[in-house]
């Protein structure tokens, strides 16, 4: 039963750093998508 309670990652391994990097990448991708959408809208006008 104890083996089922082991988490997939340990906070001691710097997992919070990887989560932060992943969050920055996602924010960057979303920002790039919004910039592309805005540039397409400006070209159509």
PDB file of N, CA and C in Angstrom:
ATOM      1  N   UNK A   1       0.822  -1.206   0.000  1.00  0.00           N
ATOM      2  CA  UNK A   1       0.000   0.000   0.000  1.00  0.00           C
ATOM      3  C   UNK A   1       0.862   1.265   0.000  1.00  0.00           C
ATOM      4  N   UNK A   2       2.011   1.217   0.638  1.00  0.00           N
ATOM      5  CA  UNK A   2       2.829   2.426   0.702  1.00  0.00           C
ATOM      6  C   UNK A   2       3.381   2.796  -0.667  1.00  0.00           C
ATOM      7  N   UNK A   3       3.612   1.814  -1.532  1.00  0.00           N
ATOM      8  CA  UNK A   3       4.157   2.129  -2.852  1.00  0.00           C
ATOM      9  C   UNK A   3       3.167   2.931  -3.679  1.00  0.00           C
ATOM     10  N   UNK A   4       1.888   2.812  -3.400  1.00  0.00           N
ATOM     11  CA  UNK A   4       0.880   3.567  -4.141  1.00  0.00           C
ATOM     12  C   UNK A   4       0.838   5.026  -3.711  1.00  0.00           C
ATOM     13  N   UNK A   5       1.367   5.319  -2.540  1.00  0.00           N
ATOM     14  CA  UNK A   5       1.321   6.685  -2.024  1.00  0.00           C
ATOM     15  C   UNK A   5       2.543   7.506  -2.430  1.00  0.00           C
ATOM     16  N   UNK A   6       3.520   6.882  -3.101  1.00  0.00           N
ATOM     17  CA  UNK A   6       4.716   7.617  -3.517  1.00  0.00           C
ATOM     18  C   UNK A   6       4.353   8.535  -4.679  1.00  0.00           C
ATOM     19  N   UNK A   7       4.709   9.811  -4.563  1.00  0.00           N
ATOM     20  CA  UNK A   7       4.382  10.765  -5.618  1.00  0.00           C
ATOM     21  C   UNK A   7       5.269  10.515  -6.836  1.00  0.00           C
ATOM     22  N   UNK A   8       4.838  11.021  -7.978  1.00  0.00           N
ATOM     23  CA  UNK A   8       5.583  10.815  -9.220  1.00  0.00           C
ATOM     24  C   UNK A   8       6.877  11.619  -9.241  1.00  0.00           C
ATOM     25  N   UNK A   9       6.972  12.659  -8.425  1.00  0.00           N
ATOM     26  CA  UNK A   9       8.179  13.468  -8.383  1.00  0.00           C
ATOM     27  C   UNK A   9       8.442  13.896  -6.948  1.00  0.00           C
ATOM     28  N   UNK A  10       9.675  14.326  -6.715  1.00  0.00           N
ATOM     29  CA  UNK A  10      10.043  14.804  -5.382  1.00  0.00           C
ATOM     30  C   UNK A  10      10.416  16.280  -5.478  1.00  0.00           C
ATOM     31  N   UNK A  11       9.922  17.091  -4.572  1.00  0.00           N
ATOM     32  CA  UNK A  11      10.228  18.515  -4.593  1.00  0.00           C
ATOM     33  C   UNK A  11      11.714  18.764  -4.323  1.00  0.00           C
ATOM     34  N   UNK A  12      12.412  17.782  -3.767  1.00  0.00           N
ATOM     35  CA  UNK A  12      13.836  17.952  -3.487  1.00  0.00           C
ATOM     36  C   UNK A  12      14.681  17.870  -4.752  1.00  0.00           C
ATOM     37  N   UNK A  13      14.111  17.365  -5.830  1.00  0.00           N
ATOM     38  CA  UNK A  13      14.874  17.207  -7.071  1.00  0.00           C
ATOM     39  C   UNK A  13      14.783  18.427  -7.971  1.00  0.00           C
ATOM     40  N   UNK A  14      14.273  19.534  -7.461  1.00  0.00           N
ATOM     41  CA  UNK A  14      14.160  20.733  -8.278  1.00  0.00           C
ATOM     42  C   UNK A  14      12.975  20.659  -9.216  1.00  0.00           C
ATOM     43  N   UNK A  15      11.965  19.878  -8.863  1.00  0.00           N
ATOM     44  CA  UNK A  15      10.786  19.748  -9.719  1.00  0.00           C
ATOM     45  C   UNK A  15      10.081  21.093  -9.853  1.00  0.00           C
ATOM     46  N   UNK A  16      10.141  21.918  -8.801  1.00  0.00           N
ATOM     47  CA  UNK A  16       9.490  23.232  -8.876  1.00  0.00           C
ATOM     48  C   UNK A  16      10.151  24.103  -9.935  1.00  0.00           C
ATOM     49  N   UNK A  17      11.470  23.917 -10.149  1.00  0.00           N
ATOM     50  CA  UNK A  17      12.161  24.670 -11.195  1.00  0.00           C
ATOM     51  C   UNK A  17      11.654  24.223 -12.564  1.00  0.00           C
ATOM     52  N   UNK A  18      11.513  22.916 -12.750  1.00  0.00           N
ATOM     53  CA  UNK A  18      11.015  22.410 -14.030  1.00  0.00           C
ATOM     54  C   UNK A  18       9.583  22.864 -14.269  1.00  0.00           C
ATOM     55  N   UNK A  19       8.771  22.902 -13.211  1.00  0.00           N
ATOM     56  CA  UNK A  19       7.391  23.380 -13.358  1.00  0.00           C
ATOM     57  C   UNK A  19       7.400  24.858 -13.749  1.00  0.00           C
ATOM     58  N   UNK A  20       8.289  25.632 -13.166  1.00  0.00           N
ATOM     59  CA  UNK A  20       8.394  27.050 -13.517  1.00  0.00           C
ATOM     60  C   UNK A  20       8.823  27.238 -14.959  1.00  0.00           C
ATOM     61  N   UNK A  21       9.809  26.467 -15.410  1.00  0.00           N
ATOM     62  CA  UNK A  21      10.260  26.543 -16.802  1.00  0.00           C
ATOM     63  C   UNK A  21       9.124  26.146 -17.730  1.00  0.00           C
ATOM     64  N   UNK A  22       8.412  25.084 -17.388  1.00  0.00           N
ATOM     65  CA  UNK A  22       7.280  24.635 -18.209  1.00  0.00           C
ATOM     66  C   UNK A  22       6.214  25.722 -18.287  1.00  0.00           C
ATOM     67  N   UNK A  23       5.942  26.385 -17.169  1.00  0.00           N
ATOM     68  CA  UNK A  23       4.953  27.466 -17.163  1.00  0.00           C
ATOM     69  C   UNK A  23       5.408  28.617 -18.056  1.00  0.00           C
ATOM     70  N   UNK A  24       6.692  28.968 -18.003  1.00  0.00           N
ATOM     71  CA  UNK A  24       7.201  30.043 -18.858  1.00  0.00           C
ATOM     72  C   UNK A  24       7.086  29.677 -20.328  1.00  0.00           C
ATOM     73  N   UNK A  25       7.354  28.422 -20.667  1.00  0.00           N
ATOM     74  CA  UNK A  25       7.237  27.975 -22.059  1.00  0.00           C
ATOM     75  C   UNK A  25       5.787  28.086 -22.523  1.00  0.00           C
ATOM     76  N   UNK A  26       4.857  27.653 -21.690  1.00  0.00           N
ATOM     77  CA  UNK A  26       3.436  27.731 -22.053  1.00  0.00           C
ATOM     78  C   UNK A  26       3.020  29.185 -22.236  1.00  0.00           C
ATOM     79  N   UNK A  27       3.448  30.062 -21.334  1.00  0.00           N
ATOM     80  CA  UNK A  27       3.110  31.484 -21.452  1.00  0.00           C
ATOM     81  C   UNK A  27       3.705  32.056 -22.737  1.00  0.00           C
ATOM     82  N   UNK A  28       4.938  31.658 -23.055  1.00  0.00           N
ATOM     83  CA  UNK A  28       5.572  32.123 -24.288  1.00  0.00           C
ATOM     84  C   UNK A  28       4.819  31.663 -25.524  1.00  0.00           C
ATOM     85  N   UNK A  29       4.382  30.411 -25.538  1.00  0.00           N
ATOM     86  CA  UNK A  29       3.630  29.897 -26.684  1.00  0.00           C
ATOM     87  C   UNK A  29       2.302  30.630 -26.836  1.00  0.00           C
ATOM     88  N   UNK A  30       1.599  30.832 -25.734  1.00  0.00           N
ATOM     89  CA  UNK A  30       0.317  31.548 -25.794  1.00  0.00           C
ATOM     90  C   UNK A  30       0.540  32.982 -26.275  1.00  0.00           C
ATOM     91  N   UNK A  31       1.585  33.624 -25.778  1.00  0.00           N
ATOM     92  CA  UNK A  31       1.893  34.987 -26.217  1.00  0.00           C
ATOM     93  C   UNK A  31       2.214  35.036 -27.700  1.00  0.00           C
ATOM     94  N   UNK A  32       2.969  34.066 -28.200  1.00  0.00           N
ATOM     95  CA  UNK A  32       3.293  34.015 -29.628  1.00  0.00           C
ATOM     96  C   UNK A  32       2.031  33.824 -30.456  1.00  0.00           C
ATOM     97  N   UNK A  33       1.123  32.991 -29.985  1.00  0.00           N
ATOM     98  CA  UNK A  33      -0.138  32.770 -30.710  1.00  0.00           C
ATOM     99  C   UNK A  33      -0.940  34.064 -30.767  1.00  0.00           C
ATOM    100  N   UNK A  34      -1.021  34.797 -29.656  1.00  0.00           N
ATOM    101  CA  UNK A  34      -1.762  36.057 -29.663  1.00  0.00           C
ATOM    102  C   UNK A  34      -1.102  37.068 -30.592  1.00  0.00           C
ATOM    103  N   UNK A  35       0.238  37.124 -30.621  1.00  0.00           N
ATOM    104  CA  UNK A  35       0.922  38.043 -31.528  1.00  0.00           C
ATOM    105  C   UNK A  35       0.633  37.685 -32.977  1.00  0.00           C
ATOM    106  N   UNK A  36       0.636  36.401 -33.297  1.00  0.00           N
ATOM    107  CA  UNK A  36       0.335  35.971 -34.667  1.00  0.00           C
ATOM    108  C   UNK A  36      -1.104  36.324 -35.032  1.00  0.00           C
ATOM    109  N   UNK A  37      -2.035  36.123 -34.107  1.00  0.00           N
ATOM    110  CA  UNK A  37      -3.436  36.456 -34.373  1.00  0.00           C
ATOM    111  C   UNK A  37      -3.591  37.958 -34.600  1.00  0.00           C
ATOM    112  N   UNK A  38      -2.923  38.763 -33.789  1.00  0.00           N
ATOM    113  CA  UNK A  38      -3.032  40.216 -33.932  1.00  0.00           C
ATOM    114  C   UNK A  38      -2.412  40.684 -35.243  1.00  0.00           C
ATOM    115  N   UNK A  39      -1.291  40.116 -35.638  1.00  0.00           N
ATOM    116  CA  UNK A  39      -0.647  40.530 -36.883  1.00  0.00           C
ATOM    117  C   UNK A  39      -1.506  40.149 -38.087  1.00  0.00           C
ATOM    118  N   UNK A  40      -2.170  38.991 -38.032  1.00  0.00           N
ATOM    119  CA  UNK A  40      -3.053  38.589 -39.130  1.00  0.00           C
ATOM    120  C   UNK A  40      -4.250  39.525 -39.218  1.00  0.00           C
ATOM    121  N   UNK A  41      -4.796  39.922 -38.073  1.00  0.00           N
ATOM    122  CA  UNK A  41      -5.946  40.824 -38.077  1.00  0.00           C
ATOM    123  C   UNK A  41      -5.556  42.196 -38.623  1.00  0.00           C
ATOM    124  N   UNK A  42      -4.377  42.675 -38.302  1.00  0.00           N
ATOM    125  CA  UNK A  42      -3.937  43.979 -38.796  1.00  0.00           C
ATOM    126  C   UNK A  42      -3.703  43.932 -40.303  1.00  0.00           C
ATOM    127  N   UNK A  43      -3.175  42.825 -40.823  1.00  0.00           N
ATOM    128  CA  UNK A  43      -2.932  42.714 -42.258  1.00  0.00           C
ATOM    129  C   UNK A  43      -4.245  42.671 -43.032  1.00  0.00           C
ATOM    130  N   UNK A  44      -5.270  42.060 -42.462  1.00  0.00           N
ATOM    131  CA  UNK A  44      -6.559  41.969 -43.147  1.00  0.00           C
ATOM    132  C   UNK A  44      -7.259  43.325 -43.191  1.00  0.00           C
ATOM    133  N   UNK A  45      -7.008  44.173 -42.225  1.00  0.00           N
ATOM    134  CA  UNK A  45      -7.631  45.498 -42.260  1.00  0.00           C
ATOM    135  C   UNK A  45      -6.907  46.272 -43.318  1.00  0.00           C
TER     136      UNK A  45
END
